[in-house]
Amino acid sequence: MVFLSWLRPWEFSPTAILAIGATALLYLRGARGRRAGAWRRLAFWSGLALIYVGLQTDLDYYAEREFFVHRLQHLALHHLGPFLIMLASPGPALRAGLSLRWRIRLRRALSHPAPRGILNVLLNPWVAAFAFFGIIYLWLWPSVHFIAMLDWRMYRLMNWSVTVDGLLFWWLVLDRRPQPPARLAPGVRIMVSLAVALPQILIGAYVTFARTDLYPLYELCGRAFAGVSAMQSQRLGGLILWIPSAMMSVVGALVALRHWISLSARGRSSQRRPRLAAASRVAARPHAPSDP
């Protein structure tokens, strides 16, 4: 019973409950008619559970009062949760969970110039990489962090922004399809994943070895653990950002490499667009000699 009470929302968010619940329902409906392996289902449900834990449980209480717990929370929301969800390749199951009417509506909405243009910018590989570590730098900037942890609207914006950014980034990196329909070529996915490791190492090392308390608001709000000092909490948070967060980038690159090897073995590392492929076939046909 104590464990179940811990899973109750600390600060109830209808948006979080609706988004997580709708995603779970769509996956349940769509996965019934698809051959998703047991490990993929496990990865999806584990990732979704981590996002729920990071957004709605008592972990949120401790994250507001200890810097290192805050970093654990964002490790779940920005790295582990989205990574596991995208590792499961849930796209086909989620689409299958939608009715035909809603699939048509979604396709039409995404084909509109405005959302298509926004997605093209956000899913540009270098924009995605910059946003992935840039959003960490933004919310850890001491003055910004101070406001975000005290204003509930900024706090929710912070948590949602890192979650959505993590989902977009890991979708790009862990896409197992050839290009197209995938947005990135297999080799680019590896480079993008590795490109975000160094900035995370640098900021993690800076926070870990800082000699002053960069985030005094935790002292002002009252700490959750009396035996953990401000500097100890800061060093633990820096190490979480430095080691496991950066290592996730290496793991992502290894998974992307595995997908590349799998595609190459099947001769599908790249796919030309249908028109170009048809034009190539026509050009390759032998032509009958012209009449004299």
Foldseek 3Di string as FASTA:
>chain_A
DVVVLQLAFPDDDPVLCVVLVLQVQLLVQLVVPDPQDPQLVVLQVVLSVLLSNLHGGCLVVQLLQFVQSVLVSLCSQQFRSLLSNLLSVSVRSNLSSDDPVVNVVVVVVCPDVPNVVVCVQCLPLVNLLCLSLVLVVQCLQLVNVQVLSVDVVSVVVSSVSSNVSNNSLSNLLQVLAAPVVRPDQLVSSLVSLLVNLVSLQVQLVCQQPDPDQSHCVSVVVDHPDPVADSNNSSNSNSVSSNPPVSVSSVVSSVSSVVSCVVCVVVPRSHDDDPVVVVVVVVVPDDDDDDDD
